[in-house]
Amino acid sequence: GRYDILAVGSLYGLALVLLFITGVSL
């Protein structure tokens, strides 16, 4: 709904954090 931009930004942020953690762990 009206939180769609917040959701997109949050999901992008989550993806970046998970990719960073993966990079560090590997």
mmCIF file of all heavy atoms, coordinates in Angstrom:
data_MODEL
# 
_entry.id   MODEL 
# 
loop_
_atom_site.group_PDB 
_atom_site.id 
_atom_site.type_symbol 
_atom_site.label_atom_id 
_atom_site.label_alt_id 
_atom_site.label_comp_id 
_atom_site.label_asym_id 
_atom_site.label_entity_id 
_atom_site.label_seq_id 
_atom_site.pdbx_PDB_ins_code 
_atom_site.Cartn_x 
_atom_site.Cartn_y 
_atom_site.Cartn_z 
_atom_site.occupancy 
_atom_site.B_iso_or_equiv 
_atom_site.pdbx_formal_charge 
_atom_site.auth_seq_id 
_atom_site.auth_comp_id 
_atom_site.auth_asym_id 
_atom_site.auth_atom_id 
_atom_site.pdbx_PDB_model_num 
ATOM 1   N N   . GLY A 1 1  ? 0.796  -1.218  0.000  1.00 0.00 ? 1  GLY A N   1 
ATOM 2   C CA  . GLY A 1 1  ? 0.000  0.000   0.000  1.00 0.00 ? 1  GLY A CA  1 
ATOM 3   C C   . GLY A 1 1  ? 0.826  1.265   0.000  1.00 0.00 ? 1  GLY A C   1 
ATOM 4   O O   . GLY A 1 1  ? 1.759  1.405   -0.777 1.00 0.00 ? 1  GLY A O   1 
ATOM 5   N N   . ARG A 1 2  ? 0.503  2.177   0.889  1.00 0.00 ? 2  ARG A N   1 
ATOM 6   C CA  . ARG A 1 2  ? 1.204  3.460   0.909  1.00 0.00 ? 2  ARG A CA  1 
ATOM 7   C C   . ARG A 1 2  ? 2.630  3.350   1.441  1.00 0.00 ? 2  ARG A C   1 
ATOM 8   O O   . ARG A 1 2  ? 3.387  4.307   1.410  1.00 0.00 ? 2  ARG A O   1 
ATOM 9   C CB  . ARG A 1 2  ? 0.414  4.494   1.712  1.00 0.00 ? 2  ARG A CB  1 
ATOM 10  C CG  . ARG A 1 2  ? 0.325  4.206   3.173  1.00 0.00 ? 2  ARG A CG  1 
ATOM 11  C CD  . ARG A 1 2  ? -0.548 5.219   3.869  1.00 0.00 ? 2  ARG A CD  1 
ATOM 12  N NE  . ARG A 1 2  ? -0.369 5.099   5.302  1.00 0.00 ? 2  ARG A NE  1 
ATOM 13  C CZ  . ARG A 1 2  ? -0.366 6.107   6.132  1.00 0.00 ? 2  ARG A CZ  1 
ATOM 14  N NH1 . ARG A 1 2  ? -0.533 7.325   5.674  1.00 0.00 ? 2  ARG A NH1 1 
ATOM 15  N NH2 . ARG A 1 2  ? -0.210 5.914   7.417  1.00 0.00 ? 2  ARG A NH2 1 
ATOM 16  N N   . TYR A 1 3  ? 2.999  2.180   1.930  1.00 0.00 ? 3  TYR A N   1 
ATOM 17  C CA  . TYR A 1 3  ? 4.359  1.943   2.427  1.00 0.00 ? 3  TYR A CA  1 
ATOM 18  C C   . TYR A 1 3  ? 5.236  1.228   1.399  1.00 0.00 ? 3  TYR A C   1 
ATOM 19  O O   . TYR A 1 3  ? 6.261  0.651   1.745  1.00 0.00 ? 3  TYR A O   1 
ATOM 20  C CB  . TYR A 1 3  ? 4.305  1.124   3.724  1.00 0.00 ? 3  TYR A CB  1 
ATOM 21  C CG  . TYR A 1 3  ? 3.533  1.807   4.816  1.00 0.00 ? 3  TYR A CG  1 
ATOM 22  C CD1 . TYR A 1 3  ? 2.266  1.372   5.174  1.00 0.00 ? 3  TYR A CD1 1 
ATOM 23  C CD2 . TYR A 1 3  ? 4.061  2.913   5.471  1.00 0.00 ? 3  TYR A CD2 1 
ATOM 24  C CE1 . TYR A 1 3  ? 1.544  2.010   6.165  1.00 0.00 ? 3  TYR A CE1 1 
ATOM 25  C CE2 . TYR A 1 3  ? 3.345  3.554   6.468  1.00 0.00 ? 3  TYR A CE2 1 
ATOM 26  C CZ  . TYR A 1 3  ? 2.092  3.098   6.811  1.00 0.00 ? 3  TYR A CZ  1 
ATOM 27  O OH  . TYR A 1 3  ? 1.383  3.742   7.800  1.00 0.00 ? 3  TYR A OH  1 
ATOM 28  N N   . ASP A 1 4  ? 4.827  1.280   0.130  1.00 0.00 ? 4  ASP A N   1 
ATOM 29  C CA  . ASP A 1 4  ? 5.547  0.526   -0.894 1.00 0.00 ? 4  ASP A CA  1 
ATOM 30  C C   . ASP A 1 4  ? 6.992  0.990   -1.083 1.00 0.00 ? 4  ASP A C   1 
ATOM 31  O O   . ASP A 1 4  ? 7.897  0.159   -1.203 1.00 0.00 ? 4  ASP A O   1 
ATOM 32  C CB  . ASP A 1 4  ? 4.796  0.540   -2.223 1.00 0.00 ? 4  ASP A CB  1 
ATOM 33  C CG  . ASP A 1 4  ? 4.498  1.932   -2.736 1.00 0.00 ? 4  ASP A CG  1 
ATOM 34  O OD1 . ASP A 1 4  ? 4.713  2.917   -1.999 1.00 0.00 ? 4  ASP A OD1 1 
ATOM 35  O OD2 . ASP A 1 4  ? 4.031  2.038   -3.890 1.00 0.00 ? 4  ASP A OD2 1 
ATOM 36  N N   . ILE A 1 5  ? 7.241  2.280   -1.048 1.00 0.00 ? 5  ILE A N   1 
ATOM 37  C CA  . ILE A 1 5  ? 8.614  2.770   -1.217 1.00 0.00 ? 5  ILE A CA  1 
ATOM 38  C C   . ILE A 1 5  ? 9.466  2.370   -0.014 1.00 0.00 ? 5  ILE A C   1 
ATOM 39  O O   . ILE A 1 5  ? 10.616 1.937   -0.166 1.00 0.00 ? 5  ILE A O   1 
ATOM 40  C CB  . ILE A 1 5  ? 8.638  4.291   -1.439 1.00 0.00 ? 5  ILE A CB  1 
ATOM 41  C CG1 . ILE A 1 5  ? 7.929  4.627   -2.754 1.00 0.00 ? 5  ILE A CG1 1 
ATOM 42  C CG2 . ILE A 1 5  ? 10.070 4.820   -1.453 1.00 0.00 ? 5  ILE A CG2 1 
ATOM 43  C CD1 . ILE A 1 5  ? 7.764  6.113   -3.001 1.00 0.00 ? 5  ILE A CD1 1 
ATOM 44  N N   . LEU A 1 6  ? 8.910  2.468   1.171  1.00 0.00 ? 6  LEU A N   1 
ATOM 45  C CA  . LEU A 1 6  ? 9.616  2.031   2.375  1.00 0.00 ? 6  LEU A CA  1 
ATOM 46  C C   . LEU A 1 6  ? 9.929  0.537   2.297  1.00 0.00 ? 6  LEU A C   1 
ATOM 47  O O   . LEU A 1 6  ? 11.032 0.102   2.652  1.00 0.00 ? 6  LEU A O   1 
ATOM 48  C CB  . LEU A 1 6  ? 8.777  2.332   3.625  1.00 0.00 ? 6  LEU A CB  1 
ATOM 49  C CG  . LEU A 1 6  ? 9.351  1.868   4.953  1.00 0.00 ? 6  LEU A CG  1 
ATOM 50  C CD1 . LEU A 1 6  ? 10.663 2.591   5.254  1.00 0.00 ? 6  LEU A CD1 1 
ATOM 51  C CD2 . LEU A 1 6  ? 8.345  2.106   6.061  1.00 0.00 ? 6  LEU A CD2 1 
ATOM 52  N N   . ALA A 1 7  ? 8.981  -0.248  1.807  1.00 0.00 ? 7  ALA A N   1 
ATOM 53  C CA  . ALA A 1 7  ? 9.194  -1.690  1.685  1.00 0.00 ? 7  ALA A CA  1 
ATOM 54  C C   . ALA A 1 7  ? 10.302 -1.994  0.682  1.00 0.00 ? 7  ALA A C   1 
ATOM 55  O O   . ALA A 1 7  ? 11.176 -2.830  0.954  1.00 0.00 ? 7  ALA A O   1 
ATOM 56  C CB  . ALA A 1 7  ? 7.893  -2.377  1.266  1.00 0.00 ? 7  ALA A CB  1 
ATOM 57  N N   . VAL A 1 8  ? 10.283 -1.327  -0.457 1.00 0.00 ? 8  VAL A N   1 
ATOM 58  C CA  . VAL A 1 8  ? 11.326 -1.551  -1.470 1.00 0.00 ? 8  VAL A CA  1 
ATOM 59  C C   . VAL A 1 8  ? 12.693 -1.199  -0.902 1.00 0.00 ? 8  VAL A C   1 
ATOM 60  O O   . VAL A 1 8  ? 13.653 -1.974  -1.005 1.00 0.00 ? 8  VAL A O   1 
ATOM 61  C CB  . VAL A 1 8  ? 11.033 -0.744  -2.755 1.00 0.00 ? 8  VAL A CB  1 
ATOM 62  C CG1 . VAL A 1 8  ? 12.234 -0.733  -3.686 1.00 0.00 ? 8  VAL A CG1 1 
ATOM 63  C CG2 . VAL A 1 8  ? 9.815  -1.295  -3.473 1.00 0.00 ? 8  VAL A CG2 1 
ATOM 64  N N   . GLY A 1 9  ? 12.804 -0.041  -0.271 1.00 0.00 ? 9  GLY A N   1 
ATOM 65  C CA  . GLY A 1 9  ? 14.070 0.374   0.321  1.00 0.00 ? 9  GLY A CA  1 
ATOM 66  C C   . GLY A 1 9  ? 14.536 -0.583  1.407  1.00 0.00 ? 9  GLY A C   1 
ATOM 67  O O   . GLY A 1 9  ? 15.724 -0.916  1.486  1.00 0.00 ? 9  GLY A O   1 
ATOM 68  N N   . SER A 1 10 ? 13.610 -1.051  2.229  1.00 0.00 ? 10 SER A N   1 
ATOM 69  C CA  . SER A 1 10 ? 13.958 -1.984  3.303  1.00 0.00 ? 10 SER A CA  1 
ATOM 70  C C   . SER A 1 10 ? 14.426 -3.327  2.748  1.00 0.00 ? 10 SER A C   1 
ATOM 71  O O   . SER A 1 10 ? 15.399 -3.912  3.245  1.00 0.00 ? 10 SER A O   1 
ATOM 72  C CB  . SER A 1 10 ? 12.761 -2.207  4.226  1.00 0.00 ? 10 SER A CB  1 
ATOM 73  O OG  . SER A 1 10 ? 12.391 -1.004  4.841  1.00 0.00 ? 10 SER A OG  1 
ATOM 74  N N   . LEU A 1 11 ? 13.751 -3.813  1.727  1.00 0.00 ? 11 LEU A N   1 
ATOM 75  C CA  . LEU A 1 11 ? 14.155 -5.091  1.135  1.00 0.00 ? 11 LEU A CA  1 
ATOM 76  C C   . LEU A 1 11 ? 15.507 -4.970  0.433  1.00 0.00 ? 11 LEU A C   1 
ATOM 77  O O   . LEU A 1 11 ? 16.328 -5.897  0.497  1.00 0.00 ? 11 LEU A O   1 
ATOM 78  C CB  . LEU A 1 11 ? 13.073 -5.587  0.173  1.00 0.00 ? 11 LEU A CB  1 
ATOM 79  C CG  . LEU A 1 11 ? 11.780 -6.031  0.854  1.00 0.00 ? 11 LEU A CG  1 
ATOM 80  C CD1 . LEU A 1 11 ? 10.690 -6.298  -0.170 1.00 0.00 ? 11 LEU A CD1 1 
ATOM 81  C CD2 . LEU A 1 11 ? 12.004 -7.244  1.731  1.00 0.00 ? 11 LEU A CD2 1 
ATOM 82  N N   . TYR A 1 12 ? 15.749 -3.854  -0.238 1.00 0.00 ? 12 TYR A N   1 
ATOM 83  C CA  . TYR A 1 12 ? 17.073 -3.623  -0.829 1.00 0.00 ? 12 TYR A CA  1 
ATOM 84  C C   . TYR A 1 12 ? 18.137 -3.597  0.268  1.00 0.00 ? 12 TYR A C   1 
ATOM 85  O O   . TYR A 1 12 ? 19.202 -4.195  0.127  1.00 0.00 ? 12 TYR A O   1 
ATOM 86  C CB  . TYR A 1 12 ? 17.112 -2.303  -1.594 1.00 0.00 ? 12 TYR A CB  1 
ATOM 87  C CG  . TYR A 1 12 ? 16.512 -2.330  -2.978 1.00 0.00 ? 12 TYR A CG  1 
ATOM 88  C CD1 . TYR A 1 12 ? 16.165 -1.149  -3.615 1.00 0.00 ? 12 TYR A CD1 1 
ATOM 89  C CD2 . TYR A 1 12 ? 16.307 -3.507  -3.681 1.00 0.00 ? 12 TYR A CD2 1 
ATOM 90  C CE1 . TYR A 1 12 ? 15.635 -1.143  -4.893 1.00 0.00 ? 12 TYR A CE1 1 
ATOM 91  C CE2 . TYR A 1 12 ? 15.764 -3.513  -4.953 1.00 0.00 ? 12 TYR A CE2 1 
ATOM 92  C CZ  . TYR A 1 12 ? 15.435 -2.328  -5.564 1.00 0.00 ? 12 TYR A CZ  1 
ATOM 93  O OH  . TYR A 1 12 ? 14.915 -2.328  -6.823 1.00 0.00 ? 12 TYR A OH  1 
ATOM 94  N N   . GLY A 1 13 ? 17.849 -2.898  1.365  1.00 0.00 ? 13 GLY A N   1 
ATOM 95  C CA  . GLY A 1 13 ? 18.793 -2.830  2.465  1.00 0.00 ? 13 GLY A CA  1 
ATOM 96  C C   . GLY A 1 13 ? 19.076 -4.200  3.064  1.00 0.00 ? 13 GLY A C   1 
ATOM 97  O O   . GLY A 1 13 ? 20.230 -4.544  3.341  1.00 0.00 ? 13 GLY A O   1 
ATOM 98  N N   . LEU A 1 14 ? 18.037 -4.999  3.238  1.00 0.00 ? 14 LEU A N   1 
ATOM 99  C CA  . LEU A 1 14 ? 18.201 -6.350  3.770  1.00 0.00 ? 14 LEU A CA  1 
ATOM 100 C C   . LEU A 1 14 ? 19.066 -7.189  2.836  1.00 0.00 ? 14 LEU A C   1 
ATOM 101 O O   . LEU A 1 14 ? 19.950 -7.921  3.285  1.00 0.00 ? 14 LEU A O   1 
ATOM 102 C CB  . LEU A 1 14 ? 16.832 -7.007  3.980  1.00 0.00 ? 14 LEU A CB  1 
ATOM 103 C CG  . LEU A 1 14 ? 16.847 -8.453  4.469  1.00 0.00 ? 14 LEU A CG  1 
ATOM 104 C CD1 . LEU A 1 14 ? 17.497 -8.558  5.846  1.00 0.00 ? 14 LEU A CD1 1 
ATOM 105 C CD2 . LEU A 1 14 ? 15.432 -9.013  4.489  1.00 0.00 ? 14 LEU A CD2 1 
ATOM 106 N N   . ALA A 1 15 ? 18.822 -7.084  1.533  1.00 0.00 ? 15 ALA A N   1 
ATOM 107 C CA  . ALA A 1 15 ? 19.624 -7.830  0.566  1.00 0.00 ? 15 ALA A CA  1 
ATOM 108 C C   . ALA A 1 15 ? 21.094 -7.436  0.653  1.00 0.00 ? 15 ALA A C   1 
ATOM 109 O O   . ALA A 1 15 ? 21.982 -8.298  0.640  1.00 0.00 ? 15 ALA A O   1 
ATOM 110 C CB  . ALA A 1 15 ? 19.094 -7.596  -0.846 1.00 0.00 ? 15 ALA A CB  1 
ATOM 111 N N   . LEU A 1 16 ? 21.357 -6.138  0.770  1.00 0.00 ? 16 LEU A N   1 
ATOM 112 C CA  . LEU A 1 16 ? 22.745 -5.670  0.867  1.00 0.00 ? 16 LEU A CA  1 
ATOM 113 C C   . LEU A 1 16 ? 23.421 -6.171  2.139  1.00 0.00 ? 16 LEU A C   1 
ATOM 114 O O   . LEU A 1 16 ? 24.580 -6.599  2.111  1.00 0.00 ? 16 LEU A O   1 
ATOM 115 C CB  . LEU A 1 16 ? 22.792 -4.143  0.797  1.00 0.00 ? 16 LEU A CB  1 
ATOM 116 C CG  . LEU A 1 16 ? 22.481 -3.540  -0.565 1.00 0.00 ? 16 LEU A CG  1 
ATOM 117 C CD1 . LEU A 1 16 ? 22.265 -2.031  -0.436 1.00 0.00 ? 16 LEU A CD1 1 
ATOM 118 C CD2 . LEU A 1 16 ? 23.572 -3.844  -1.569 1.00 0.00 ? 16 LEU A CD2 1 
ATOM 119 N N   . VAL A 1 17 ? 22.710 -6.141  3.248  1.00 0.00 ? 17 VAL A N   1 
ATOM 120 C CA  . VAL A 1 17 ? 23.267 -6.620  4.511  1.00 0.00 ? 17 VAL A CA  1 
ATOM 121 C C   . VAL A 1 17 ? 23.580 -8.113  4.422  1.00 0.00 ? 17 VAL A C   1 
ATOM 122 O O   . VAL A 1 17 ? 24.664 -8.565  4.827  1.00 0.00 ? 17 VAL A O   1 
ATOM 123 C CB  . VAL A 1 17 ? 22.313 -6.322  5.694  1.00 0.00 ? 17 VAL A CB  1 
ATOM 124 C CG1 . VAL A 1 17 ? 22.708 -7.090  6.938  1.00 0.00 ? 17 VAL A CG1 1 
ATOM 125 C CG2 . VAL A 1 17 ? 22.268 -4.835  5.965  1.00 0.00 ? 17 VAL A CG2 1 
ATOM 126 N N   . LEU A 1 18 ? 22.661 -8.884  3.876  1.00 0.00 ? 18 LEU A N   1 
ATOM 127 C CA  . LEU A 1 18 ? 22.889 -10.321 3.747  1.00 0.00 ? 18 LEU A CA  1 
ATOM 128 C C   . LEU A 1 18 ? 24.043 -10.624 2.802  1.00 0.00 ? 18 LEU A C   1 
ATOM 129 O O   . LEU A 1 18 ? 24.840 -11.540 3.062  1.00 0.00 ? 18 LEU A O   1 
ATOM 130 C CB  . LEU A 1 18 ? 21.607 -11.028 3.294  1.00 0.00 ? 18 LEU A CB  1 
ATOM 131 C CG  . LEU A 1 18 ? 20.463 -11.019 4.308  1.00 0.00 ? 18 LEU A CG  1 
ATOM 132 C CD1 . LEU A 1 18 ? 19.202 -11.609 3.695  1.00 0.00 ? 18 LEU A CD1 1 
ATOM 133 C CD2 . LEU A 1 18 ? 20.855 -11.752 5.567  1.00 0.00 ? 18 LEU A CD2 1 
ATOM 134 N N   . LEU A 1 19 ? 24.150 -9.872  1.708  1.00 0.00 ? 19 LEU A N   1 
ATOM 135 C CA  . LEU A 1 19 ? 25.283 -10.059 0.801  1.00 0.00 ? 19 LEU A CA  1 
ATOM 136 C C   . LEU A 1 19 ? 26.597 -9.690  1.474  1.00 0.00 ? 19 LEU A C   1 
ATOM 137 O O   . LEU A 1 19 ? 27.613 -10.372 1.294  1.00 0.00 ? 19 LEU A O   1 
ATOM 138 C CB  . LEU A 1 19 ? 25.085 -9.235  -0.473 1.00 0.00 ? 19 LEU A CB  1 
ATOM 139 C CG  . LEU A 1 19 ? 24.050 -9.790  -1.450 1.00 0.00 ? 19 LEU A CG  1 
ATOM 140 C CD1 . LEU A 1 19 ? 23.709 -8.752  -2.515 1.00 0.00 ? 19 LEU A CD1 1 
ATOM 141 C CD2 . LEU A 1 19 ? 24.549 -11.075 -2.083 1.00 0.00 ? 19 LEU A CD2 1 
ATOM 142 N N   . PHE A 1 20 ? 26.593 -8.632  2.274  1.00 0.00 ? 20 PHE A N   1 
ATOM 143 C CA  . PHE A 1 20 ? 27.797 -8.235  3.001  1.00 0.00 ? 20 PHE A CA  1 
ATOM 144 C C   . PHE A 1 20 ? 28.215 -9.319  3.993  1.00 0.00 ? 20 PHE A C   1 
ATOM 145 O O   . PHE A 1 20 ? 29.384 -9.703  4.062  1.00 0.00 ? 20 PHE A O   1 
ATOM 146 C CB  . PHE A 1 20 ? 27.568 -6.903  3.723  1.00 0.00 ? 20 PHE A CB  1 
ATOM 147 C CG  . PHE A 1 20 ? 28.754 -6.446  4.508  1.00 0.00 ? 20 PHE A CG  1 
ATOM 148 C CD1 . PHE A 1 20 ? 29.816 -5.820  3.878  1.00 0.00 ? 20 PHE A CD1 1 
ATOM 149 C CD2 . PHE A 1 20 ? 28.821 -6.648  5.876  1.00 0.00 ? 20 PHE A CD2 1 
ATOM 150 C CE1 . PHE A 1 20 ? 30.931 -5.409  4.596  1.00 0.00 ? 20 PHE A CE1 1 
ATOM 151 C CE2 . PHE A 1 20 ? 29.926 -6.247  6.608  1.00 0.00 ? 20 PHE A CE2 1 
ATOM 152 C CZ  . PHE A 1 20 ? 30.987 -5.618  5.964  1.00 0.00 ? 20 PHE A CZ  1 
ATOM 153 N N   . ILE A 1 21 ? 27.261 -9.820  4.751  1.00 0.00 ? 21 ILE A N   1 
ATOM 154 C CA  . ILE A 1 21 ? 27.550 -10.877 5.721  1.00 0.00 ? 21 ILE A CA  1 
ATOM 155 C C   . ILE A 1 21 ? 28.093 -12.120 5.011  1.00 0.00 ? 21 ILE A C   1 
ATOM 156 O O   . ILE A 1 21 ? 29.053 -12.750 5.476  1.00 0.00 ? 21 ILE A O   1 
ATOM 157 C CB  . ILE A 1 21 ? 26.299 -11.210 6.561  1.00 0.00 ? 21 ILE A CB  1 
ATOM 158 C CG1 . ILE A 1 21 ? 25.963 -10.038 7.484  1.00 0.00 ? 21 ILE A CG1 1 
ATOM 159 C CG2 . ILE A 1 21 ? 26.482 -12.497 7.352  1.00 0.00 ? 21 ILE A CG2 1 
ATOM 160 C CD1 . ILE A 1 21 ? 24.614 -10.153 8.168  1.00 0.00 ? 21 ILE A CD1 1 
ATOM 161 N N   . THR A 1 22 ? 27.504 -12.454 3.882  1.00 0.00 ? 22 THR A N   1 
ATOM 162 C CA  . THR A 1 22 ? 27.988 -13.592 3.099  1.00 0.00 ? 22 THR A CA  1 
ATOM 163 C C   . THR A 1 22 ? 29.420 -13.363 2.634  1.00 0.00 ? 22 THR A C   1 
ATOM 164 O O   . THR A 1 22 ? 30.261 -14.260 2.730  1.00 0.00 ? 22 THR A O   1 
ATOM 165 C CB  . THR A 1 22 ? 27.069 -13.846 1.892  1.00 0.00 ? 22 THR A CB  1 
ATOM 166 O OG1 . THR A 1 22 ? 25.747 -14.095 2.363  1.00 0.00 ? 22 THR A OG1 1 
ATOM 167 C CG2 . THR A 1 22 ? 27.554 -15.016 1.060  1.00 0.00 ? 22 THR A CG2 1 
ATOM 168 N N   . GLY A 1 23 ? 29.703 -12.156 2.144  1.00 0.00 ? 23 GLY A N   1 
ATOM 169 C CA  . GLY A 1 23 ? 31.053 -11.832 1.700  1.00 0.00 ? 23 GLY A CA  1 
ATOM 170 C C   . GLY A 1 23 ? 32.072 -11.948 2.813  1.00 0.00 ? 23 GLY A C   1 
ATOM 171 O O   . GLY A 1 23 ? 33.165 -12.485 2.613  1.00 0.00 ? 23 GLY A O   1 
ATOM 172 N N   . VAL A 1 24 ? 31.713 -11.449 3.991  1.00 0.00 ? 24 VAL A N   1 
ATOM 173 C CA  . VAL A 1 24 ? 32.618 -11.532 5.133  1.00 0.00 ? 24 VAL A CA  1 
ATOM 174 C C   . VAL A 1 24 ? 32.832 -12.992 5.542  1.00 0.00 ? 24 VAL A C   1 
ATOM 175 O O   . VAL A 1 24 ? 33.967 -13.432 5.782  1.00 0.00 ? 24 VAL A O   1 
ATOM 176 C CB  . VAL A 1 24 ? 32.091 -10.702 6.325  1.00 0.00 ? 24 VAL A CB  1 
ATOM 177 C CG1 . VAL A 1 24 ? 32.872 -10.986 7.587  1.00 0.00 ? 24 VAL A CG1 1 
ATOM 178 C CG2 . VAL A 1 24 ? 32.134 -9.222  5.985  1.00 0.00 ? 24 VAL A CG2 1 
ATOM 179 N N   . SER A 1 25 ? 31.756 -13.751 5.630  1.00 0.00 ? 25 SER A N   1 
ATOM 180 C CA  . SER A 1 25 ? 31.875 -15.141 6.082  1.00 0.00 ? 25 SER A CA  1 
ATOM 181 C C   . SER A 1 25 ? 32.662 -16.003 5.096  1.00 0.00 ? 25 SER A C   1 
ATOM 182 O O   . SER A 1 25 ? 33.291 -16.983 5.496  1.00 0.00 ? 25 SER A O   1 
ATOM 183 C CB  . SER A 1 25 ? 30.501 -15.746 6.350  1.00 0.00 ? 25 SER A CB  1 
ATOM 184 O OG  . SER A 1 25 ? 29.785 -15.885 5.146  1.00 0.00 ? 25 SER A OG  1 
ATOM 185 N N   . LEU A 1 26 ? 32.650 -15.642 3.816  1.00 0.00 ? 26 LEU A N   1 
ATOM 186 C CA  . LEU A 1 26 ? 33.390 -16.401 2.812  1.00 0.00 ? 26 LEU A CA  1 
ATOM 187 C C   . LEU A 1 26 ? 34.747 -15.782 2.498  1.00 0.00 ? 26 LEU A C   1 
ATOM 188 O O   . LEU A 1 26 ? 35.452 -16.264 1.616  1.00 0.00 ? 26 LEU A O   1 
ATOM 189 C CB  . LEU A 1 26 ? 32.567 -16.520 1.527  1.00 0.00 ? 26 LEU A CB  1 
ATOM 190 C CG  . LEU A 1 26 ? 31.253 -17.300 1.631  1.00 0.00 ? 26 LEU A CG  1 
ATOM 191 C CD1 . LEU A 1 26 ? 30.472 -17.226 0.326  1.00 0.00 ? 26 LEU A CD1 1 
ATOM 192 C CD2 . LEU A 1 26 ? 31.521 -18.743 2.028  1.00 0.00 ? 26 LEU A CD2 1 
# 
